[in-house]
Amino acid sequence: NIHFVGKFLYSVSTLYCMTQSLAQNGEGIGAAMGEPKARELAAAAGFKHFRRLPIENPFCVLYELRA
């Protein structure tokens, strides 16, 4: 997140996503939680399959989760 766009998206995540999560009694993680936390949450929710899909997008990642 050293590029200015990454910094902007991280700040949006912090100011919007995290606060919305906290307002719903969530963990307040935000959208920039990273793959390790996503894997942890998926496993805790009972998903057995977790795969990062190979998409060509510098701003987003897409995960495939299956039970």
Protein backbone atom coordinates (compact mmCIF):
# COMPACT_ATOMS: atom_id res chain seq x y z
CA ASN A 1 0.00 0.00 0.00
CA ILE A 2 2.82 2.43 -0.72
CA HIS A 3 1.25 3.77 -3.92
CA PHE A 4 -1.14 6.70 -3.42
CA VAL A 5 -4.10 4.64 -4.66
CA GLY A 6 -3.31 1.93 -2.12
CA LYS A 7 -3.13 4.53 0.62
CA PHE A 8 -6.49 5.94 -0.46
CA LEU A 9 -8.17 2.53 -0.52
CA TYR A 10 -6.69 1.63 2.86
CA SER A 11 -8.05 4.86 4.35
CA VAL A 12 -11.51 4.18 2.89
CA SER A 13 -11.38 0.72 4.43
CA THR A 14 -10.41 2.17 7.80
CA LEU A 15 -12.94 4.99 7.78
CA TYR A 16 -15.89 3.10 6.30
CA CYS A 17 -15.52 -0.69 6.34
CA MET A 18 -14.02 -0.92 9.81
CA THR A 19 -16.52 1.46 11.38
CA GLN A 20 -19.45 -0.33 9.74
CA SER A 21 -18.16 -3.62 11.10
CA LEU A 22 -17.83 -2.18 14.60
CA ALA A 23 -21.34 -0.70 14.38
CA GLN A 24 -22.68 -4.23 13.81
CA ASN A 25 -20.68 -5.63 16.75
CA GLY A 26 -18.14 -7.12 14.34
CA GLU A 27 -14.39 -7.39 14.73
CA GLY A 28 -13.68 -4.10 12.96
CA ILE A 29 -11.20 -5.68 10.58
CA GLY A 30 -11.83 -3.62 7.45
CA ALA A 31 -11.32 -4.63 3.84
CA ALA A 32 -7.52 -4.48 3.99
CA MET A 33 -7.22 -7.39 6.41
CA GLY A 34 -4.95 -9.45 4.16
CA GLU A 35 -4.93 -13.06 3.09
CA PRO A 36 -3.74 -14.62 6.39
CA LYS A 37 -6.69 -13.15 8.31
CA ALA A 38 -9.08 -14.09 5.50
CA ARG A 39 -7.82 -17.69 5.70
CA GLU A 40 -8.23 -17.68 9.48
CA LEU A 41 -11.80 -16.39 9.30
CA ALA A 42 -12.73 -18.83 6.52
CA ALA A 43 -11.41 -21.77 8.53
CA ALA A 44 -13.25 -20.58 11.65
CA ALA A 45 -16.45 -20.41 9.59
CA GLY A 46 -16.00 -24.04 8.51
CA PHE A 47 -14.66 -23.62 4.99
CA LYS A 48 -12.25 -26.40 4.04
CA HIS A 49 -11.12 -25.00 0.69
CA PHE A 50 -9.52 -21.56 0.33
CA ARG A 51 -7.86 -20.43 -2.86
CA ARG A 52 -6.73 -17.04 -4.14
CA LEU A 53 -7.93 -16.75 -7.71
CA PRO A 54 -5.52 -15.49 -10.38
CA ILE A 55 -7.24 -12.29 -11.48
CA GLU A 56 -5.45 -9.41 -13.17
CA ASN A 57 -6.48 -6.50 -10.97
CA PRO A 58 -4.00 -4.32 -9.09
CA PHE A 59 -6.64 -3.19 -6.58
CA CYS A 60 -8.60 -6.33 -5.67
CA VAL A 61 -8.11 -9.95 -4.75
CA LEU A 62 -10.70 -12.68 -5.16
CA TYR A 63 -10.87 -15.80 -3.02
CA GLU A 64 -12.71 -19.03 -3.72
CA LEU A 65 -14.11 -20.67 -0.59
CA ARG A 66 -15.88 -24.02 -0.43
CA ALA A 67 -17.15 -26.14 2.42
